[in-house]
Amino acid sequence: MKKLLFALLMLFLVGCEEKYPVYSKFHYQSDHQISCLRIMTSSQWLKERLDTSLGQYQDKQCPYILKAKLHDITKCNSSFSTATPKDFTGYITLEIYEGDKPFYKVQSDFQNDKEASFERVIARLKTDIF
């Protein structure tokens, strides 16, 4: 009976695993508190969302640079993108640099739902940084 209960519990926990987890890491610890960001991205879609989500932190003179990348493989036609599993269509990465040194990175994959991926990475960034 204990084995059956344990097996059911494990099955439940495995089934509850988040399909698109958020990965984040600090490259080093800093004594400085981040209170501003310079946002850099080539994606207009990301720029609009970052302006809304982090607008109060934007400062063009800030020493911390947020580099945002949207990699949507549905826009690609390389052999890699056609061979990629169908449960993956891209990812969003946000990286903070202190000058030219990488300080922090957060990333999450998505399957046709960039908005959900963005919400996951921005929530983690706000928790970890601010």
Protein backbone atom coordinates (compact mmCIF):
# COMPACT_ATOMS: atom_id res chain seq x y z
CA MET A 1 0.00 0.00 0.00
CA LYS A 2 2.85 2.41 0.82
CA LYS A 3 4.49 1.66 -2.51
CA LEU A 4 1.27 2.41 -4.38
CA LEU A 5 0.79 5.67 -2.50
CA PHE A 6 4.41 6.64 -3.18
CA ALA A 7 4.03 5.79 -6.90
CA LEU A 8 0.85 7.88 -7.17
CA LEU A 9 2.52 10.78 -5.41
CA MET A 10 5.52 10.62 -7.75
CA LEU A 11 3.23 10.45 -10.79
CA PHE A 12 1.37 13.50 -9.54
CA LEU A 13 4.57 15.47 -8.97
CA VAL A 14 6.04 14.56 -12.35
CA GLY A 15 2.79 15.59 -14.03
CA CYS A 16 2.94 19.00 -12.33
CA GLU A 17 6.32 19.93 -13.74
CA GLU A 18 6.24 23.29 -15.50
CA LYS A 19 6.43 22.74 -19.26
CA TYR A 20 8.41 25.90 -19.95
CA PRO A 21 10.56 26.65 -16.89
CA VAL A 22 12.43 29.90 -16.39
CA TYR A 23 16.22 29.72 -16.19
CA SER A 24 18.08 32.51 -14.44
CA LYS A 25 21.55 33.05 -13.04
CA PHE A 26 23.85 35.73 -11.70
CA HIS A 27 27.31 35.72 -13.26
CA TYR A 28 28.78 37.38 -10.16
CA GLN A 29 27.61 39.15 -7.01
CA SER A 30 27.64 42.92 -6.93
CA ASP A 31 27.55 45.31 -4.00
CA HIS A 32 25.60 47.81 -6.10
CA GLN A 33 21.81 47.97 -6.01
CA ILE A 34 20.30 48.13 -9.50
CA SER A 35 17.88 51.02 -9.69
CA CYS A 36 17.97 51.77 -13.41
CA LEU A 37 18.41 50.09 -16.80
CA ARG A 38 19.24 51.04 -20.37
CA ILE A 39 17.09 48.82 -22.58
CA MET A 40 18.51 47.54 -25.86
CA THR A 41 16.63 45.26 -28.25
CA SER A 42 16.11 44.90 -31.98
CA SER A 43 12.60 43.52 -31.46
CA GLN A 44 9.85 46.13 -31.55
CA TRP A 45 7.53 43.61 -29.91
CA LEU A 46 9.92 43.24 -26.94
CA LYS A 47 10.62 46.98 -26.78
CA GLU A 48 6.94 47.81 -26.34
CA ARG A 49 6.50 45.27 -23.55
CA LEU A 50 9.71 46.25 -21.77
CA ASP A 51 8.75 49.93 -21.91
CA THR A 52 5.45 49.04 -20.23
CA SER A 53 6.93 46.62 -17.68
CA LEU A 54 10.18 48.40 -16.80
CA GLY A 55 9.52 51.98 -17.88
CA GLN A 56 10.03 53.38 -14.39
CA TYR A 57 13.60 51.98 -14.37
CA GLN A 58 14.71 53.32 -17.76
CA ASP A 59 17.58 55.80 -17.76
CA LYS A 60 19.76 56.50 -20.81
CA GLN A 61 22.75 57.25 -18.51
CA CYS A 62 22.45 54.03 -16.48
CA PRO A 63 25.57 51.82 -16.22
CA TYR A 64 23.36 48.68 -16.36
CA ILE A 65 22.29 47.60 -19.84
CA LEU A 66 19.37 45.23 -20.39
CA LYS A 67 19.82 43.34 -23.68
CA ALA A 68 16.61 41.62 -24.71
CA LYS A 69 16.42 38.95 -27.42
CA LEU A 70 13.45 37.25 -29.01
CA HIS A 71 14.33 34.14 -30.98
CA ASP A 72 11.27 32.95 -32.91
CA ILE A 73 12.18 29.95 -35.08
CA THR A 74 8.89 30.15 -36.97
CA LYS A 75 10.50 33.15 -38.70
CA CYS A 76 13.53 31.05 -39.71
CA ASN A 77 13.91 28.73 -42.68
CA SER A 78 17.20 27.05 -41.78
CA SER A 79 17.60 23.28 -41.58
CA PHE A 80 17.91 23.60 -37.78
CA SER A 81 14.53 25.29 -37.45
CA THR A 82 12.78 22.68 -39.57
CA ALA A 83 14.39 19.85 -37.54
CA THR A 84 13.45 21.36 -34.16
CA PRO A 85 10.78 19.52 -32.14
CA LYS A 86 7.30 20.94 -32.60
CA ASP A 87 6.84 21.69 -28.88
CA PHE A 88 9.40 24.50 -29.18
CA THR A 89 9.03 27.59 -31.34
CA GLY A 90 11.39 30.01 -29.63
CA TYR A 91 12.68 31.68 -26.50
CA ILE A 92 13.08 35.06 -24.85
CA THR A 93 16.32 36.06 -23.15
CA LEU A 94 16.93 39.11 -20.97
CA GLU A 95 20.54 39.84 -20.00
CA ILE A 96 21.82 42.61 -17.75
CA TYR A 97 25.36 43.88 -18.25
CA GLU A 98 27.35 46.09 -15.91
CA GLY A 99 29.38 47.95 -18.48
CA ASP A 100 30.63 45.15 -20.75
CA LYS A 101 30.52 42.42 -18.07
CA PRO A 102 27.53 40.04 -18.05
CA PHE A 103 25.81 40.34 -14.67
CA TYR A 104 22.48 38.47 -14.90
CA LYS A 105 20.54 36.35 -17.39
CA VAL A 106 16.98 35.01 -17.49
CA GLN A 107 15.42 32.91 -20.26
CA SER A 108 12.30 30.90 -21.04
CA ASP A 109 11.19 28.89 -24.06
CA PHE A 110 7.78 29.12 -25.66
CA GLN A 111 5.45 27.21 -27.95
CA ASN A 112 3.50 29.77 -30.00
CA ASP A 113 2.93 31.91 -26.87
CA LYS A 114 5.55 34.64 -26.72
CA GLU A 115 3.39 36.67 -24.34
CA ALA A 116 3.42 33.94 -21.66
CA SER A 117 7.18 33.53 -22.03
CA PHE A 118 7.66 37.28 -21.65
CA GLU A 119 5.51 37.34 -18.52
CA ARG A 120 7.58 34.49 -17.03
CA VAL A 121 10.96 36.15 -17.65
CA ILE A 122 9.86 39.63 -16.57
CA ALA A 123 8.38 38.27 -13.34
CA ARG A 124 11.62 36.41 -12.54
CA LEU A 125 13.76 39.45 -13.41
CA LYS A 126 11.71 41.68 -11.11
CA THR A 127 11.93 39.12 -8.30
CA ASP A 128 15.67 38.61 -8.68
CA ILE A 129 16.77 42.20 -9.38
CA PHE A 130 14.37 44.76 -7.89
